C-alpha atoms as a PDB file:
ATOM      1  CA  UNK A   1    -111.541 194.597-160.096  1.00  0.00           C
ATOM      2  CA  UNK A   2    -110.993 192.359-156.932  1.00  0.00           C
ATOM      3  CA  UNK A   3    -109.046 188.663-157.397  1.00  0.00           C
ATOM      4  CA  UNK A   4    -107.913 186.937-154.455  1.00  0.00           C
ATOM      5  CA  UNK A   5    -106.030 183.638-154.619  1.00  0.00           C
ATOM      6  CA  UNK A   6    -107.741 181.416-151.964  1.00  0.00           C
ATOM      7  CA  UNK A   7    -105.261 178.315-151.838  1.00  0.00           C
ATOM      8  CA  UNK A   8    -102.657 181.678-150.991  1.00  0.00           C
ATOM      9  CA  UNK A   9    -104.700 183.150-148.133  1.00  0.00           C
ATOM     10  CA  UNK A  10    -105.621 179.581-146.334  1.00  0.00           C
ATOM     11  CA  UNK A  11    -101.680 178.958-146.333  1.00  0.00           C
ATOM     12  CA  UNK A  12    -101.502 182.124-145.088  1.00  0.00           C
ATOM     13  CA  UNK A  13    -104.151 181.521-142.483  1.00  0.00           C
ATOM     14  CA  UNK A  14    -102.545 178.024-141.105  1.00  0.00           C
ATOM     15  CA  UNK A  15     -99.099 180.055-140.831  1.00  0.00           C
ATOM     16  CA  UNK A  16    -100.810 182.138-138.737  1.00  0.00           C
ATOM     17  CA  UNK A  17    -103.045 179.908-136.795  1.00  0.00           C
ATOM     18  CA  UNK A  18    -106.322 181.637-137.823  1.00  0.00           C
ATOM     19  CA  UNK A  19    -109.720 180.479-139.109  1.00  0.00           C
ATOM     20  CA  UNK A  20    -110.699 183.875-141.086  1.00  0.00           C
ATOM     21  CA  UNK A  21    -109.498 186.417-142.999  1.00  0.00           C
ATOM     22  CA  UNK A  22    -111.465 189.119-144.832  1.00  0.00           C
ATOM     23  CA  UNK A  23    -110.334 189.183-148.175  1.00  0.00           C
ATOM     24  CA  UNK A  24    -112.977 191.536-150.125  1.00  0.00           C
ATOM     25  CA  UNK A  25    -115.486 194.097-148.870  1.00  0.00           C
ATOM     26  CA  UNK A  26    -118.046 196.443-150.427  1.00  0.00           C
ATOM     27  CA  UNK A  27    -120.729 198.515-149.073  1.00  0.00           C
ATOM     28  CA  UNK A  28    -123.171 195.152-150.746  1.00  0.00           C
ATOM     29  CA  UNK A  29    -120.999 192.046-149.429  1.00  0.00           C
ATOM     30  CA  UNK A  30    -117.925 190.801-147.990  1.00  0.00           C
ATOM     31  CA  UNK A  31    -115.770 188.251-149.147  1.00  0.00           C
ATOM     32  CA  UNK A  32    -114.123 185.849-146.368  1.00  0.00           C
ATOM     33  CA  UNK A  33    -111.251 182.663-146.919  1.00  0.00           C
ATOM     34  CA  UNK A  34    -112.240 180.441-144.091  1.00  0.00           C
ATOM     35  CA  UNK A  35    -109.898 177.369-143.146  1.00  0.00           C
ATOM     36  CA  UNK A  36    -110.788 174.489-140.546  1.00  0.00           C
ATOM     37  CA  UNK A  37    -108.698 171.492-139.391  1.00  0.00           C
ATOM     38  CA  UNK A  38    -109.558 168.349-137.599  1.00  0.00           C
ATOM     39  CA  UNK A  39    -109.836 168.848-133.508  1.00  0.00           C
ATOM     40  CA  UNK A  40    -110.835 173.096-134.527  1.00  0.00           C
ATOM     41  CA  UNK A  41    -114.277 173.722-133.055  1.00  0.00           C
ATOM     42  CA  UNK A  42    -117.138 176.005-134.825  1.00  0.00           C
ATOM     43  CA  UNK A  43    -119.678 176.499-132.246  1.00  0.00           C
ATOM     44  CA  UNK A  44    -123.689 177.112-132.766  1.00  0.00           C
ATOM     45  CA  UNK A  45    -124.218 180.358-134.310  1.00  0.00           C
ATOM     46  CA  UNK A  46    -126.175 182.284-136.618  1.00  0.00           C
ATOM     47  CA  UNK A  47    -125.135 185.626-138.686  1.00  0.00           C
ATOM     48  CA  UNK A  48    -127.498 188.325-139.326  1.00  0.00           C
ATOM     49  CA  UNK A  49    -126.242 188.482-143.344  1.00  0.00           C
ATOM     50  CA  UNK A  50    -127.237 185.968-146.007  1.00  0.00           C
ATOM     51  CA  UNK A  51    -124.450 183.362-146.556  1.00  0.00           C
ATOM     52  CA  UNK A  52    -122.870 181.625-149.456  1.00  0.00           C
ATOM     53  CA  UNK A  53    -120.020 179.116-148.469  1.00  0.00           C
ATOM     54  CA  UNK A  54    -118.288 177.495-151.397  1.00  0.00           C
ATOM     55  CA  UNK A  55    -116.173 174.373-150.301  1.00  0.00           C
ATOM     56  CA  UNK A  56    -112.570 174.872-151.977  1.00  0.00           C
ATOM     57  CA  UNK A  57    -111.174 172.092-150.635  1.00  0.00           C
ATOM     58  CA  UNK A  58    -111.395 169.122-147.961  1.00  0.00           C
ATOM     59  CA  UNK A  59    -114.660 167.718-146.637  1.00  0.00           C
ATOM     60  CA  UNK A  60    -116.208 167.843-143.258  1.00  0.00           C
ATOM     61  CA  UNK A  61    -119.957 168.014-142.011  1.00  0.00           C
ATOM     62  CA  UNK A  62    -122.142 170.997-141.454  1.00  0.00           C
ATOM     63  CA  UNK A  63    -125.122 171.040-138.715  1.00  0.00           C
ATOM     64  CA  UNK A  64    -127.941 173.524-140.009  1.00  0.00           C
ATOM     65  CA  UNK A  65    -130.539 174.198-136.658  1.00  0.00           C
ATOM     66  CA  UNK A  66    -130.078 170.315-135.937  1.00  0.00           C
ATOM     67  CA  UNK A  67    -129.722 168.812-139.615  1.00  0.00           C
ATOM     68  CA  UNK A  68    -126.363 167.166-140.215  1.00  0.00           C
ATOM     69  CA  UNK A  69    -124.635 166.851-143.596  1.00  0.00           C
ATOM     70  CA  UNK A  70    -121.534 165.763-145.655  1.00  0.00           C
ATOM     71  CA  UNK A  71    -119.633 168.701-147.031  1.00  0.00           C
ATOM     72  CA  UNK A  72    -116.922 168.581-149.362  1.00  0.00           C
ATOM     73  CA  UNK A  73    -114.653 170.167-152.549  1.00  0.00           C
ATOM     74  CA  UNK A  74    -117.264 171.797-155.061  1.00  0.00           C
ATOM     75  CA  UNK A  75    -120.126 172.075-152.658  1.00  0.00           C
ATOM     76  CA  UNK A  76    -122.194 175.271-152.065  1.00  0.00           C
ATOM     77  CA  UNK A  77    -124.280 176.263-149.293  1.00  0.00           C
ATOM     78  CA  UNK A  78    -126.925 179.076-148.811  1.00  0.00           C
ATOM     79  CA  UNK A  79    -127.856 179.628-145.613  1.00  0.00           C
ATOM     80  CA  UNK A  80    -130.550 182.454-144.828  1.00  0.00           C
ATOM     81  CA  UNK A  81    -129.796 185.443-142.323  1.00  0.00           C
ATOM     82  CA  UNK A  82    -130.217 184.114-138.708  1.00  0.00           C
ATOM     83  CA  UNK A  83    -129.940 180.417-139.796  1.00  0.00           C
ATOM     84  CA  UNK A  84    -127.982 178.423-136.578  1.00  0.00           C
ATOM     85  CA  UNK A  85    -125.437 176.614-138.021  1.00  0.00           C
ATOM     86  CA  UNK A  86    -121.733 174.782-137.392  1.00  0.00           C
ATOM     87  CA  UNK A  87    -118.997 173.349-139.306  1.00  0.00           C
ATOM     88  CA  UNK A  88    -117.790 169.774-137.589  1.00  0.00           C
ATOM     89  CA  UNK A  89    -115.989 166.713-137.835  1.00  0.00           C
ATOM     90  CA  UNK A  90    -113.457 167.622-140.337  1.00  0.00           C
ATOM     91  CA  UNK A  91    -111.950 164.846-142.475  1.00  0.00           C
ATOM     92  CA  UNK A  92    -109.004 167.060-142.993  1.00  0.00           C
ATOM     93  CA  UNK A  93    -108.324 170.253-143.691  1.00  0.00           C
ATOM     94  CA  UNK A  94    -111.445 172.528-144.786  1.00  0.00           C
ATOM     95  CA  UNK A  95    -111.488 175.407-147.088  1.00  0.00           C
ATOM     96  CA  UNK A  96    -113.950 177.552-147.827  1.00  0.00           C
ATOM     97  CA  UNK A  97    -114.917 180.968-149.300  1.00  0.00           C
ATOM     98  CA  UNK A  98    -117.800 182.776-147.568  1.00  0.00           C
ATOM     99  CA  UNK A  99    -119.910 185.270-149.154  1.00  0.00           C
ATOM    100  CA  UNK A 100    -122.028 187.833-146.857  1.00  0.00           C
ATOM    101  CA  UNK A 101    -124.653 189.854-148.384  1.00  0.00           C
ATOM    102  CA  UNK A 102    -124.706 192.759-146.787  1.00  0.00           C
ATOM    103  CA  UNK A 103    -121.387 192.850-145.860  1.00  0.00           C
ATOM    104  CA  UNK A 104    -120.764 191.195-142.213  1.00  0.00           C
ATOM    105  CA  UNK A 105    -121.396 193.169-139.388  1.00  0.00           C
ATOM    106  CA  UNK A 106    -122.993 195.916-141.158  1.00  0.00           C
ATOM    107  CA  UNK A 107    -126.318 194.682-140.206  1.00  0.00           C
ATOM    108  CA  UNK A 108    -125.347 195.255-136.594  1.00  0.00           C
END
């Protein structure tokens, strides 16, 4: 069994001034904890993998191919491979668990 404490990993990211850490990796998926704070920039980008974001705390917005929507604690967002997206306008600390399938970078 793999288990992580998202809030604990987010606190470590804050201490290290990092935005993300890979928490779990298998052949079929990877899971990251991601953290943004006001003033951070997330450039428009896409991944080769399917992505599922679960917002565990905070609020902001997501731009998905030009469609901007608010996101906040409890929201789940699914993106198909190759979907251009970015997170922006962080009202406070935004913490998310991100599942990539297959594992991030394994399609390259």
